[in-house]
Amino acid sequence: MSRTEGAAGSPPRRGDARPPNLLLITSDQHRGDCLGVEGRRVHTPHLDLLAAQGTRFSACITPNVVCMPARASMLTGLLPLTHGTHDNGIDLDEAVAERGFAGTLARAGYATAFIGKAHFSSNHSAEPTGRCENLLSSHRFADEWHGPYMGFQHVELMQLGHNHWLPERAPGGLHYERWYHGDGQGELKDRLYRQRLPPETTAAQTHHSALPAAWHNSTWVGDRAGEYLHEQARRQRAAGVPPAPRAPPAQAAHAAQAAQAAQAGQAVQPAQPAQPVEPFCAWISLADPHHPFDAPAPWCWMHRPEDVDLPPHRVRDLERRPWWHRAALENTPQGGTARDRCVREQYSRMPPQSDAQLRELIASYFGMIALVDHQVGRLLAVLHDEGLQQDTLVIFSSDHGDWLGDHGLVLKGPMFYEGLLRVPLIVRGPGVPAGRVVANPVSTIDLAATFADYAGVPIEAARHSRSLRPLIEAEGTPPAVAAAPGTGREHAFTDWRLGPQRCGVALDLRGVRTREAKLTLELGSGAGELYDLRDDPHECVNRFGDPQRRGLRDELLQRLMSRPADILDPLPMPVGPA
């Protein structure tokens, strides 16, 4: 199978010709193992149910470990060094974005929408960028503006989504911020925003938020997304699309009408074809559980610190790691404004945490995930109640993970450990086997081709993306299946080129992950790390220079060099830290 064959795809294999609705729900900075179904002590009943009703990918890898490049890759189906947003603070080219899955599906007749945190454009910059998400430019966008943006016809956006700063006041901010202040209670909310609920914590960037959950941005996303789904259901019903359980087929209904008319001696009217109605493709983007770890009540109390599970390897053994690990943690960010450097130092790095602090931090992180799970449950309930469940492909995923204590690290950076690279990926919908787990390495880049495949439209621009549909529909018996050769990926790539403004040193990192192993190479120095995940799942022993693993290293280096050579040159530079 070629890389684009899955994108072009076959027509949807369903009972009628209408392609499915497509609903992508994402969280932010959500580790792939932080689901109840993965064995962690985190409360995710709705996501666990989604996995039981659908197919879960246990080795989904992000193409980049920070927000903007990862999200741009999900939209475009391209690796970061090809679409150009190779680090935070670099705006995604709008022409490239328009050729992603949202613009492609919109041109094919889908109603496309984005609700929540987009982060396709930089928030912080020294000068206005003219983009809606930019703090210095958002005032140019009226309250009535709802897109188009990056291929999405309708958007409802938050500007930041993470509670380091108070929500912007009008005329700045976007839809969430203007809603937040729009009822005249903004000052009260700001006071609550600054307050902390007991018990006090000593963990870095961790507290219990006094802002009521009703005003939290995750609840706002759930509210707005739920209303959007209700509106789509009303629109489809008005166009004659029956809710599930399905009404009798049109031919049977016409036959019954004809029989009744014949008995009454009336003329039989010819059956009228159903009016076409556009399905929807919506990306619902929740900003949790991204740091700071500040779940609101009651979610902040749902997981007791003494009950959470700690990572087995919690030591910063930098002497056993490639040189850039220490450099990234200890060097001083260069260039940019004083504010930029402050953002890098205060919000992107975290000092080592004690076990007690780590328990507090993980408990709050789990609380934020439980809040995400609650919003997912609300949206799944809307699909069920509106009769959309049988006609909607639902995908849950995230942009990247978090170290969360692995190797003594928290947050994210240029160390490609599994907790940071692996993200959740669950698919449920028409024709999707229930309870299946696919262990093949896949990438969030593959979402673009997957959506196009189910929609039955080509998406040649997403040339790094491969449809997940062959893996989903592969022959095999749940719960686990290893797909036949040629039906999916054998490896997944990660790109990150970062300058000294991020962590004080320039790095050109490439990673490749197979089912059995993972290799990261720093191209400038030739240094690398190799982990054999079969006997070292916690990545404790770097085998890059081990003569006994030379064959494995050479195989992965060859795979790494097979990355398409379509790297953008020159690459754009960041205009700010995020």
Protein backbone atom coordinates (compact mmCIF):
# COMPACT_ATOMS: atom_id res chain seq x y z
CA MET A 1 0.00 0.00 0.00
CA SER A 2 1.34 3.44 -0.87
CA ARG A 3 1.30 6.25 1.63
CA THR A 4 -1.58 7.97 -0.13
CA GLU A 5 -3.59 4.94 -1.15
CA GLY A 6 -5.42 4.89 2.15
CA ALA A 7 -6.13 8.59 1.79
CA ALA A 8 -7.78 8.25 -1.58
CA GLY A 9 -9.60 5.23 -0.22
CA SER A 10 -12.63 3.31 -1.29
CA PRO A 11 -16.14 4.67 -0.90
CA PRO A 12 -17.65 4.33 2.55
CA ARG A 13 -18.72 0.76 3.26
CA ARG A 14 -22.09 1.47 4.87
CA GLY A 15 -25.71 0.65 4.33
CA ASP A 16 -26.30 3.83 2.34
CA ALA A 17 -24.28 6.19 0.18
CA ARG A 18 -24.03 8.96 2.76
CA PRO A 19 -20.60 9.12 4.42
CA PRO A 20 -20.44 9.20 8.22
CA ASN A 21 -20.25 12.21 10.47
CA LEU A 22 -16.73 12.61 11.86
CA LEU A 23 -16.16 13.69 15.46
CA LEU A 24 -12.59 14.18 16.70
CA ILE A 25 -12.26 14.85 20.44
CA THR A 26 -8.81 15.71 21.76
CA SER A 27 -7.27 16.47 25.11
CA ASP A 28 -3.98 18.30 25.63
CA GLN A 29 -0.78 16.80 27.06
CA HIS A 30 -2.52 13.49 27.81
CA ARG A 31 -0.30 10.42 28.19
CA GLY A 32 -1.35 7.33 26.31
CA ASP A 33 -1.25 5.18 29.45
CA CYS A 34 -3.43 7.51 31.52
CA LEU A 35 -6.71 5.74 30.96
CA GLY A 36 -8.42 3.28 33.26
CA VAL A 37 -8.41 0.71 30.48
CA GLU A 38 -4.60 1.03 30.33
CA GLY A 39 -4.30 -0.04 33.97
CA ARG A 40 -3.61 3.35 35.56
CA ARG A 41 -5.56 4.42 38.65
CA VAL A 42 -7.36 7.22 36.84
CA HIS A 43 -11.14 7.62 36.65
CA THR A 44 -12.10 7.50 32.95
CA PRO A 45 -15.36 5.50 32.70
CA HIS A 46 -16.55 7.12 29.47
CA LEU A 47 -13.24 6.73 27.64
CA ASP A 48 -13.02 3.14 28.90
CA LEU A 49 -16.51 2.50 27.53
CA LEU A 50 -15.54 4.11 24.22
CA ALA A 51 -12.58 1.72 24.03
CA ALA A 52 -14.81 -1.26 24.83
CA GLN A 53 -17.22 -0.24 22.07
CA GLY A 54 -14.48 0.49 19.54
CA THR A 55 -10.83 -0.09 18.65
CA ARG A 56 -7.92 1.20 20.73
CA PHE A 57 -4.42 1.78 19.36
CA SER A 58 -1.86 1.00 22.06
CA ALA A 59 1.15 2.47 20.21
CA CYS A 60 -0.02 5.80 18.79
CA ILE A 61 2.96 8.17 18.55
CA THR A 62 2.91 11.95 18.24
CA PRO A 63 5.00 13.51 15.42
CA ASN A 64 6.15 16.22 17.85
CA VAL A 65 6.17 16.62 21.62
CA VAL A 66 4.87 20.21 21.89
CA CYS A 67 1.47 21.64 21.04
CA MET A 68 1.70 23.64 17.82
CA PRO A 69 3.70 21.22 15.65
CA ALA A 70 1.69 18.24 16.86
CA ARG A 71 -1.65 19.92 16.16
CA ALA A 72 -0.54 21.18 12.76
CA SER A 73 0.48 17.63 11.84
CA MET A 74 -2.88 16.23 12.92
CA LEU A 75 -4.65 18.74 10.67
CA THR A 76 -2.38 18.52 7.62
CA GLY A 77 -1.19 14.90 7.65
CA LEU A 78 2.40 16.15 7.31
CA LEU A 79 5.46 15.88 9.52
CA PRO A 80 6.51 19.13 11.25
CA LEU A 81 9.62 19.81 9.17
CA THR A 82 7.43 19.61 6.06
CA HIS A 83 4.47 21.78 7.06
CA GLY A 84 6.90 24.24 8.66
CA THR A 85 5.50 24.61 12.17
CA HIS A 86 8.43 22.74 13.65
CA ASP A 87 8.25 24.38 17.10
CA ASN A 88 5.86 26.43 19.19
CA GLY A 89 5.64 30.08 18.20
CA ILE A 90 5.54 29.41 14.44
CA ASP A 91 2.24 30.11 12.71
CA LEU A 92 0.92 27.34 10.49
CA ASP A 93 0.83 28.43 6.84
CA GLU A 94 -2.85 28.97 6.05
CA ALA A 95 -2.49 27.64 2.50
CA VAL A 96 -1.00 24.42 3.87
CA ALA A 97 -3.75 24.21 6.49
CA GLU A 98 -6.47 24.62 3.85
CA ARG A 99 -5.22 21.45 2.16
CA GLY A 100 -5.57 19.51 5.43
CA PHE A 101 -8.52 17.35 6.34
CA ALA A 102 -10.86 20.20 7.35
CA GLY A 103 -10.55 22.15 4.11
CA THR A 104 -10.60 18.98 2.03
CA LEU A 105 -13.79 17.72 3.66
CA ALA A 106 -15.42 21.15 3.47
CA ARG A 107 -14.84 21.22 -0.28
CA ALA A 108 -16.31 17.70 -0.47
CA GLY A 109 -19.56 18.83 1.15
CA TYR A 110 -18.93 18.38 4.87
CA ALA A 111 -19.91 20.98 7.45
CA THR A 112 -16.64 21.55 9.32
CA ALA A 113 -16.21 23.05 12.79
CA PHE A 114 -13.55 23.54 15.45
CA ILE A 115 -14.44 24.20 19.09
CA GLY A 116 -11.87 24.75 21.85
CA LYS A 117 -8.11 25.21 21.89
CA ALA A 118 -6.73 25.37 18.33
CA HIS A 119 -3.14 26.63 18.76
CA PHE A 120 -2.44 26.64 15.04
CA SER A 121 -1.06 30.18 15.47
CA SER A 122 1.21 31.74 18.07
CA ASN A 123 -0.30 33.29 21.19
CA HIS A 124 2.76 35.27 22.31
CA SER A 125 4.81 37.51 20.02
CA ALA A 126 6.68 40.79 20.16
CA GLU A 127 4.56 42.25 17.34
CA PRO A 128 0.96 41.59 16.22
CA THR A 129 0.72 38.72 13.74
CA GLY A 130 -2.80 39.44 12.52
CA ARG A 131 -3.97 35.96 13.55
CA CYS A 132 -7.03 35.49 15.73
CA GLU A 133 -5.15 33.44 18.34
CA ASN A 134 -2.44 36.08 18.84
CA LEU A 135 -2.74 38.11 22.05
CA LEU A 136 -1.82 41.32 20.22
CA SER A 137 -4.23 40.74 17.32
CA SER A 138 -7.38 39.12 18.71
CA HIS A 139 -9.05 42.52 19.27
CA ARG A 140 -9.40 42.80 15.48
CA PHE A 141 -11.91 39.94 15.45
CA ALA A 142 -15.49 40.92 16.26
CA ASP A 143 -17.74 38.97 18.60
CA GLU A 144 -19.72 37.78 15.59
CA TRP A 145 -16.67 36.28 13.86
CA HIS A 146 -16.81 32.48 13.73
CA GLY A 147 -14.43 31.67 10.89
CA PRO A 148 -13.47 30.40 8.47
CA TYR A 149 -10.13 29.40 9.99
CA MET A 150 -7.59 26.82 8.80
CA GLY A 151 -10.18 25.00 6.69
CA PHE A 152 -12.90 24.98 9.36
CA GLN A 153 -16.03 26.81 8.29
CA HIS A 154 -17.22 27.45 11.85
CA VAL A 155 -14.99 28.02 14.88
CA GLU A 156 -15.48 28.79 18.57
CA LEU A 157 -12.06 29.26 20.14
CA MET A 158 -10.26 29.92 23.39
CA GLN A 159 -7.11 31.98 23.23
CA LEU A 160 -4.86 30.21 25.71
CA GLY A 161 -6.73 27.63 27.73
CA HIS A 162 -4.11 27.20 30.46
CA ASN A 163 -4.45 29.07 33.69
CA HIS A 164 -1.05 30.74 34.01
CA TRP A 165 -2.74 34.04 33.16
CA LEU A 166 -6.22 35.49 33.62
CA PRO A 167 -8.48 35.31 30.56
CA GLU A 168 -8.09 38.33 28.29
CA ARG A 169 -10.62 41.14 28.58
CA ALA A 170 -12.47 42.69 25.65
CA PRO A 171 -11.67 43.80 23.06
CA GLY A 172 -9.05 41.04 23.27
CA GLY A 173 -9.66 37.36 23.79
CA LEU A 174 -11.72 34.99 21.70
CA HIS A 175 -15.03 33.21 22.16
CA TYR A 176 -14.31 31.63 25.55
CA GLU A 177 -12.73 34.75 27.03
CA ARG A 178 -15.57 36.97 25.82
CA TRP A 179 -18.13 34.51 27.22
CA TYR A 180 -16.18 34.42 30.50
CA HIS A 181 -16.41 38.20 30.91
CA GLY A 182 -19.69 38.67 29.05
CA ASP A 183 -22.08 38.23 32.01
CA GLY A 184 -20.52 41.05 34.03
CA GLN A 185 -19.03 38.67 36.61
CA GLY A 186 -15.51 38.73 35.22
CA GLU A 187 -13.98 40.32 38.34
CA LEU A 188 -15.55 37.67 40.58
CA LYS A 189 -14.28 34.93 38.31
CA ASP A 190 -10.81 36.48 38.29
CA ARG A 191 -10.73 36.47 42.10
CA LEU A 192 -11.74 32.81 42.15
CA TYR A 193 -9.21 32.12 39.41
CA ARG A 194 -6.45 33.27 41.76
CA GLN A 195 -7.73 31.35 44.80
CA ARG A 196 -6.77 27.84 45.79
CA LEU A 197 -8.91 25.24 47.46
CA PRO A 198 -7.60 23.03 50.28
CA PRO A 199 -5.58 20.99 50.82
CA GLU A 200 -2.49 22.98 49.97
CA THR A 201 0.09 21.29 47.78
CA THR A 202 3.84 21.76 47.54
CA ALA A 203 4.18 20.27 44.05
CA ALA A 204 5.30 22.64 41.31
CA GLN A 205 2.56 24.15 39.12
CA THR A 206 -0.08 22.22 41.09
CA HIS A 207 -3.09 23.55 42.99
CA HIS A 208 -6.82 23.03 43.39
CA SER A 209 -8.69 25.73 41.51
CA ALA A 210 -11.46 27.68 43.24
CA LEU A 211 -12.97 28.64 39.88
CA PRO A 212 -16.24 26.66 39.70
CA ALA A 213 -16.27 23.95 37.08
CA ALA A 214 -19.21 25.68 35.36
CA TRP A 215 -16.85 28.53 34.38
CA HIS A 216 -13.89 26.32 33.52
CA ASN A 217 -12.86 26.23 29.87
CA SER A 218 -13.35 22.45 29.59
CA THR A 219 -16.98 22.83 30.63
CA TRP A 220 -17.40 25.67 28.14
CA VAL A 221 -16.02 23.44 25.37
CA GLY A 222 -18.40 20.66 26.40
CA ASP A 223 -21.33 23.10 26.42
CA ARG A 224 -20.55 24.60 23.03
CA ALA A 225 -19.75 21.24 21.43
CA GLY A 226 -22.95 19.73 22.77
CA GLU A 227 -24.99 22.58 21.32
CA TYR A 228 -23.21 22.18 17.99
CA LEU A 229 -24.11 18.48 17.89
CA HIS A 230 -27.73 19.26 18.76
CA GLU A 231 -27.82 21.80 15.92
CA GLN A 232 -26.34 19.32 13.45
CA ALA A 233 -28.95 16.75 14.47
CA ARG A 234 -31.73 19.30 13.94
CA ARG A 235 -30.29 20.23 10.56
CA GLN A 236 -30.02 16.63 9.44
CA ARG A 237 -33.55 15.83 10.58
CA ALA A 238 -34.86 18.86 8.71
CA ALA A 239 -33.16 17.54 5.58
CA GLY A 240 -34.79 14.15 5.96
CA VAL A 241 -32.00 12.13 7.55
CA PRO A 242 -33.72 9.78 10.04
CA PRO A 243 -32.25 9.32 13.50
CA ALA A 244 -31.18 5.91 14.72
CA PRO A 245 -32.82 3.47 15.16
CA ARG A 246 -33.42 3.87 11.48
CA ALA A 247 -36.84 4.41 9.98
CA PRO A 248 -37.92 1.89 7.28
CA PRO A 249 -35.97 2.25 4.03
CA ALA A 250 -37.43 4.71 1.53
CA GLN A 251 -38.32 1.93 -0.92
CA ALA A 252 -40.33 0.05 1.72
CA ALA A 253 -42.09 3.22 2.83
CA HIS A 254 -43.03 4.06 -0.76
CA ALA A 255 -44.32 0.51 -1.33
CA ALA A 256 -46.60 0.82 1.71
CA GLN A 257 -47.90 4.19 0.49
CA ALA A 258 -48.52 2.71 -2.95
CA ALA A 259 -50.53 -0.17 -1.49
CA GLN A 260 -52.67 2.23 0.54
CA ALA A 261 -53.22 4.45 -2.49
CA ALA A 262 -54.22 1.49 -4.65
CA GLN A 263 -56.81 0.37 -2.10
CA ALA A 264 -58.26 3.89 -2.11
CA GLY A 265 -58.29 4.05 -5.90
CA GLN A 266 -55.84 6.95 -5.95
CA ALA A 267 -52.97 7.55 -8.36
CA VAL A 268 -49.58 6.44 -7.12
CA GLN A 269 -47.07 9.30 -6.94
CA PRO A 270 -43.46 8.47 -7.89
CA ALA A 271 -41.01 8.18 -5.02
CA GLN A 272 -39.00 11.37 -4.49
CA PRO A 273 -35.28 10.99 -3.94
CA ALA A 274 -34.04 12.15 -0.54
CA GLN A 275 -32.49 15.60 -0.52
CA PRO A 276 -28.74 15.45 0.03
CA VAL A 277 -27.53 16.73 3.39
CA GLU A 278 -23.96 17.46 4.34
CA PRO A 279 -22.51 15.36 7.16
CA PHE A 280 -20.37 17.15 9.73
CA CYS A 281 -16.71 16.94 10.69
CA ALA A 282 -16.04 18.56 14.07
CA TRP A 283 -12.81 18.80 16.07
CA ILE A 284 -13.59 19.30 19.76
CA SER A 285 -10.38 20.33 21.53
CA LEU A 286 -10.18 20.34 25.33
CA ALA A 287 -7.22 22.16 26.92
CA ASP A 288 -6.83 19.80 29.90
CA PRO A 289 -4.76 18.13 31.38
CA HIS A 290 -2.03 20.59 30.24
CA HIS A 291 -0.13 22.27 33.07
CA PRO A 292 -0.61 24.05 35.40
CA PHE A 293 -2.26 21.11 37.14
CA ASP A 294 -5.24 22.96 38.56
CA ALA A 295 -8.39 20.84 38.40
CA PRO A 296 -11.53 22.51 39.78
CA ALA A 297 -13.81 20.97 42.41
CA PRO A 298 -14.95 18.22 42.67
CA TRP A 299 -12.45 16.81 40.17
CA CYS A 300 -9.45 18.02 42.18
CA TRP A 301 -10.46 15.72 45.05
CA MET A 302 -11.39 12.66 42.99
CA HIS A 303 -7.94 11.01 43.22
CA ARG A 304 -6.14 10.87 46.56
CA PRO A 305 -2.37 11.38 46.31
CA GLU A 306 -1.73 8.26 48.37
CA ASP A 307 -3.72 6.16 45.87
CA VAL A 308 -2.06 7.18 42.59
CA ASP A 309 0.62 5.02 41.02
CA LEU A 310 4.15 6.41 40.63
CA PRO A 311 6.45 5.71 37.68
CA PRO A 312 8.96 2.93 38.42
CA HIS A 313 12.03 4.94 37.32
CA ARG A 314 12.05 8.42 38.86
CA VAL A 315 15.76 9.34 38.82
CA ARG A 316 17.44 11.96 36.60
CA ASP A 317 20.37 9.75 35.62
CA LEU A 318 21.68 12.28 33.11
CA GLU A 319 25.15 10.73 33.04
CA ARG A 320 23.58 7.72 31.26
CA ARG A 321 21.83 9.82 28.64
CA PRO A 322 22.93 11.70 25.50
CA TRP A 323 24.49 15.11 26.05
CA TRP A 324 21.44 17.14 25.06
CA HIS A 325 19.37 15.87 28.02
CA ARG A 326 21.51 17.78 30.50
CA ALA A 327 21.89 20.76 28.18
CA ALA A 328 18.14 21.10 27.73
CA LEU A 329 17.58 21.08 31.49
CA GLU A 330 20.47 23.30 32.58
CA ASN A 331 21.28 25.76 29.77
CA THR A 332 19.77 29.25 29.71
CA PRO A 333 17.29 30.05 26.92
CA GLN A 334 18.78 32.55 24.48
CA GLY A 335 17.33 35.52 22.60
CA GLY A 336 13.76 36.73 22.57
CA THR A 337 12.24 39.18 25.01
CA ALA A 338 12.54 39.04 28.77
CA ARG A 339 8.93 37.82 28.86
CA ASP A 340 9.80 35.03 26.42
CA ARG A 341 12.69 33.88 28.59
CA CYS A 342 10.47 34.06 31.67
CA VAL A 343 7.88 31.86 29.98
CA ARG A 344 10.57 29.34 29.08
CA GLU A 345 12.13 29.29 32.54
CA GLN A 346 9.01 29.39 34.70
CA TYR A 347 6.48 27.39 32.74
CA SER A 348 8.47 24.93 30.62
CA ARG A 349 10.86 23.55 33.24
CA MET A 350 10.19 21.98 36.58
CA PRO A 351 12.62 21.19 39.42
CA PRO A 352 12.88 17.58 40.61
CA GLN A 353 9.86 16.58 42.69
CA SER A 354 9.83 14.38 45.77
CA ASP A 355 7.60 11.30 45.74
CA ALA A 356 5.08 13.15 47.92
CA GLN A 357 5.04 16.12 45.54
CA LEU A 358 4.78 13.83 42.55
CA ARG A 359 1.76 12.11 44.09
CA GLU A 360 0.06 15.48 44.55
CA LEU A 361 0.85 16.48 40.99
CA ILE A 362 -0.35 13.20 39.47
CA ALA A 363 -3.55 13.28 41.53
CA SER A 364 -4.36 16.74 40.13
CA TYR A 365 -3.39 15.64 36.60
CA PHE A 366 -5.72 12.65 36.96
CA GLY A 367 -8.46 15.00 38.16
CA MET A 368 -8.09 17.08 35.00
CA ILE A 369 -8.31 13.89 32.92
CA ALA A 370 -11.46 12.91 34.81
CA LEU A 371 -12.93 16.30 33.88
CA VAL A 372 -12.03 15.62 30.24
CA ASP A 373 -13.68 12.20 30.54
CA HIS A 374 -16.83 13.85 31.89
CA GLN A 375 -17.04 16.15 28.86
CA VAL A 376 -16.51 13.16 26.55
CA GLY A 377 -19.39 11.42 28.30
CA ARG A 378 -21.62 14.44 27.76
CA LEU A 379 -20.88 14.47 24.02
CA LEU A 380 -21.41 10.72 23.65
CA ALA A 381 -24.77 11.14 25.40
CA VAL A 382 -25.78 13.82 22.89
CA LEU A 383 -24.89 11.52 19.99
CA HIS A 384 -27.00 8.77 21.55
CA ASP A 385 -29.96 10.96 22.44
CA GLU A 386 -30.03 12.65 19.03
CA GLY A 387 -29.81 9.36 17.12
CA LEU A 388 -26.39 10.26 15.68
CA GLN A 389 -24.41 7.44 17.27
CA GLN A 390 -24.84 4.92 14.44
CA ASP A 391 -23.82 7.47 11.80
CA THR A 392 -20.82 9.06 13.52
CA LEU A 393 -17.19 7.97 13.61
CA VAL A 394 -15.79 9.13 16.96
CA ILE A 395 -12.04 9.42 17.50
CA PHE A 396 -10.42 10.39 20.80
CA SER A 397 -6.75 11.34 20.96
CA SER A 398 -4.31 13.98 22.22
CA ASP A 399 -1.53 16.15 20.82
CA HIS A 400 1.29 14.77 23.03
CA GLY A 401 1.92 13.32 26.46
CA ASP A 402 3.81 14.33 29.62
CA TRP A 403 6.81 12.77 31.38
CA LEU A 404 4.80 12.87 34.64
CA GLY A 405 7.76 11.79 36.76
CA ASP A 406 9.42 9.40 34.32
CA HIS A 407 13.21 9.70 34.73
CA GLY A 408 12.64 12.46 37.29
CA LEU A 409 11.06 14.72 34.67
CA VAL A 410 7.69 16.49 34.41
CA LEU A 411 6.11 18.39 31.49
CA LYS A 412 7.80 18.07 28.07
CA GLY A 413 10.99 18.73 26.17
CA PRO A 414 13.58 17.16 23.85
CA MET A 415 13.75 13.76 25.57
CA PHE A 416 11.55 11.39 23.62
CA TYR A 417 10.50 9.00 26.38
CA GLU A 418 7.34 6.92 25.91
CA GLY A 419 5.22 8.94 28.33
CA LEU A 420 5.75 11.99 26.16
CA LEU A 421 5.52 10.34 22.73
CA ARG A 422 2.60 7.94 23.21
CA VAL A 423 -0.94 9.34 23.22
CA PRO A 424 -4.40 7.79 23.48
CA LEU A 425 -6.16 6.80 20.26
CA ILE A 426 -9.63 5.27 20.33
CA VAL A 427 -11.96 4.87 17.34
CA ARG A 428 -15.66 3.97 17.53
CA GLY A 429 -18.26 4.03 14.80
CA PRO A 430 -19.87 2.26 11.85
CA GLY A 431 -17.97 -0.91 10.98
CA VAL A 432 -15.41 -0.50 13.78
CA PRO A 433 -14.84 -3.73 15.75
CA ALA A 434 -15.60 -3.53 19.47
CA GLY A 435 -12.96 -4.32 22.05
CA ARG A 436 -10.06 -4.56 19.62
CA VAL A 437 -6.54 -3.41 20.55
CA VAL A 438 -4.07 -2.71 17.74
CA ALA A 439 -0.40 -2.79 18.74
CA ASN A 440 1.03 -1.60 15.41
CA PRO A 441 2.81 1.76 15.68
CA VAL A 442 0.64 4.51 14.20
CA SER A 443 0.74 8.30 14.30
CA THR A 444 -1.72 11.11 14.89
CA ILE A 445 -0.64 12.24 11.41
CA ASP A 446 -2.78 9.33 10.21
CA LEU A 447 -6.02 11.03 11.25
CA ALA A 448 -6.14 13.11 8.06
CA ALA A 449 -6.03 10.11 5.73
CA THR A 450 -8.41 8.17 7.97
CA PHE A 451 -11.06 10.88 7.84
CA ALA A 452 -10.66 11.19 4.08
CA ASP A 453 -10.94 7.42 3.66
CA TYR A 454 -14.19 7.19 5.61
CA ALA A 455 -15.52 10.23 3.73
CA GLY A 456 -14.56 8.67 0.40
CA VAL A 457 -12.54 11.65 -0.83
CA PRO A 458 -8.87 11.97 -1.89
CA ILE A 459 -6.42 14.02 0.18
CA GLU A 460 -3.16 13.92 -1.74
CA ALA A 461 -1.67 16.85 0.21
CA ALA A 462 -1.57 14.71 3.38
CA ARG A 463 1.20 12.62 1.87
CA HIS A 464 2.72 11.43 5.17
CA SER A 465 -0.65 10.21 6.44
CA ARG A 466 -1.90 6.64 6.13
CA SER A 467 -5.48 5.59 6.72
CA LEU A 468 -6.08 3.59 9.88
CA ARG A 469 -9.08 1.92 8.28
CA PRO A 470 -7.18 -1.19 7.07
CA LEU A 471 -5.91 -1.73 10.62
CA ILE A 472 -9.35 -1.13 12.08
CA GLU A 473 -11.03 -3.58 9.70
CA ALA A 474 -8.22 -6.17 9.54
CA GLU A 475 -9.23 -9.78 9.97
CA GLY A 476 -8.65 -11.03 13.48
CA THR A 477 -10.33 -11.84 16.72
CA PRO A 478 -10.63 -9.15 19.38
CA PRO A 479 -9.31 -8.11 21.77
CA ALA A 480 -5.89 -7.99 20.10
CA VAL A 481 -4.88 -8.16 16.48
CA ALA A 482 -1.62 -7.86 14.59
CA ALA A 483 -2.48 -6.60 11.14
CA ALA A 484 -1.11 -8.25 8.04
CA PRO A 485 1.93 -6.68 6.34
CA GLY A 486 1.00 -3.77 4.12
CA THR A 487 -2.15 -2.82 6.02
CA GLY A 488 -0.53 -0.21 8.24
CA ARG A 489 2.65 1.35 9.54
CA GLU A 490 5.73 -0.52 10.64
CA HIS A 491 7.14 2.61 12.28
CA ALA A 492 6.20 6.16 13.23
CA PHE A 493 8.36 9.29 12.96
CA THR A 494 8.90 12.24 15.28
CA ASP A 495 10.56 15.52 14.12
CA TRP A 496 11.77 18.44 16.21
CA ARG A 497 14.20 21.17 15.19
CA LEU A 498 14.54 23.73 17.95
CA GLY A 499 16.71 26.77 18.35
CA PRO A 500 18.64 28.06 21.38
CA GLN A 501 15.74 30.32 22.33
CA ARG A 502 13.91 27.29 23.76
CA CYS A 503 16.50 25.61 26.00
CA GLY A 504 19.82 27.31 25.29
CA VAL A 505 21.05 24.92 22.61
CA ALA A 506 20.10 24.25 18.99
CA LEU A 507 18.95 20.68 18.33
CA ASP A 508 17.85 18.75 15.25
CA LEU A 509 16.11 15.66 16.60
CA ARG A 510 14.61 12.79 14.62
CA GLY A 511 12.91 9.81 16.18
CA VAL A 512 11.52 6.52 14.93
CA ARG A 513 9.38 4.06 16.90
CA THR A 514 8.64 0.44 15.90
CA ARG A 515 6.71 -2.16 17.86
CA GLU A 516 9.90 -3.37 19.52
CA ALA A 517 12.26 -0.42 19.80
CA LYS A 518 12.79 3.33 19.59
CA LEU A 519 15.73 5.39 18.32
CA THR A 520 16.37 9.12 18.62
CA LEU A 521 19.19 10.83 16.71
CA GLU A 522 20.53 14.37 17.10
CA LEU A 523 21.64 15.09 13.54
CA GLY A 524 24.07 17.89 14.38
CA SER A 525 26.28 15.81 16.66
CA GLY A 526 25.43 12.26 15.63
CA ALA A 527 24.63 11.38 19.24
CA GLY A 528 21.67 9.16 19.86
CA GLU A 529 19.73 6.86 22.11
CA LEU A 530 18.24 3.44 21.47
CA TYR A 531 15.85 1.54 23.70
CA ASP A 532 14.84 -2.07 23.17
CA LEU A 533 11.28 -1.88 24.46
CA ARG A 534 10.91 -5.66 24.59
CA ASP A 535 13.22 -6.06 27.59
CA ASP A 536 13.45 -2.41 28.69
CA PRO A 537 9.94 -0.90 28.57
CA HIS A 538 10.91 1.88 31.01
CA GLU A 539 13.87 2.98 28.83
CA CYS A 540 16.52 2.64 31.49
CA VAL A 541 19.46 1.42 29.36
CA ASN A 542 20.59 3.36 26.30
CA ARG A 543 21.76 0.77 23.75
CA PHE A 544 22.90 3.22 21.07
CA GLY A 545 26.57 2.33 21.51
CA ASP A 546 26.05 -1.31 22.49
CA PRO A 547 27.82 -3.64 20.00
CA GLN A 548 25.27 -6.34 20.75
CA ARG A 549 22.47 -4.04 19.52
CA ARG A 550 24.33 -2.78 16.44
CA GLY A 551 22.00 -4.65 14.09
CA LEU A 552 18.93 -3.14 15.74
CA ARG A 553 20.51 0.33 15.73
CA ASP A 554 21.40 0.09 12.04
CA GLU A 555 17.91 -1.12 11.16
CA LEU A 556 16.31 1.82 12.96
CA LEU A 557 18.80 4.29 11.49
CA GLN A 558 17.84 3.02 8.05
CA ARG A 559 14.18 3.49 8.89
CA LEU A 560 14.92 6.97 10.21
CA MET A 561 16.64 7.94 6.97
CA SER A 562 13.62 6.73 4.99
CA ARG A 563 11.72 9.79 6.17
CA PRO A 564 10.55 11.64 3.04
CA ALA A 565 13.04 14.29 1.95
CA ASP A 566 10.38 16.99 1.55
CA ILE A 567 11.71 19.17 4.38
CA LEU A 568 10.83 22.83 4.02
CA ASP A 569 13.84 25.02 3.27
CA PRO A 570 14.26 27.54 4.72
CA LEU A 571 12.26 26.75 7.82
CA PRO A 572 10.43 29.67 9.47
CA MET A 573 11.65 31.00 12.80
CA PRO A 574 9.51 31.36 15.94
CA VAL A 575 7.95 34.76 16.62
CA GLY A 576 7.49 33.95 20.31
CA PRO A 577 7.59 31.15 22.88
CA ALA A 578 4.14 29.69 22.18
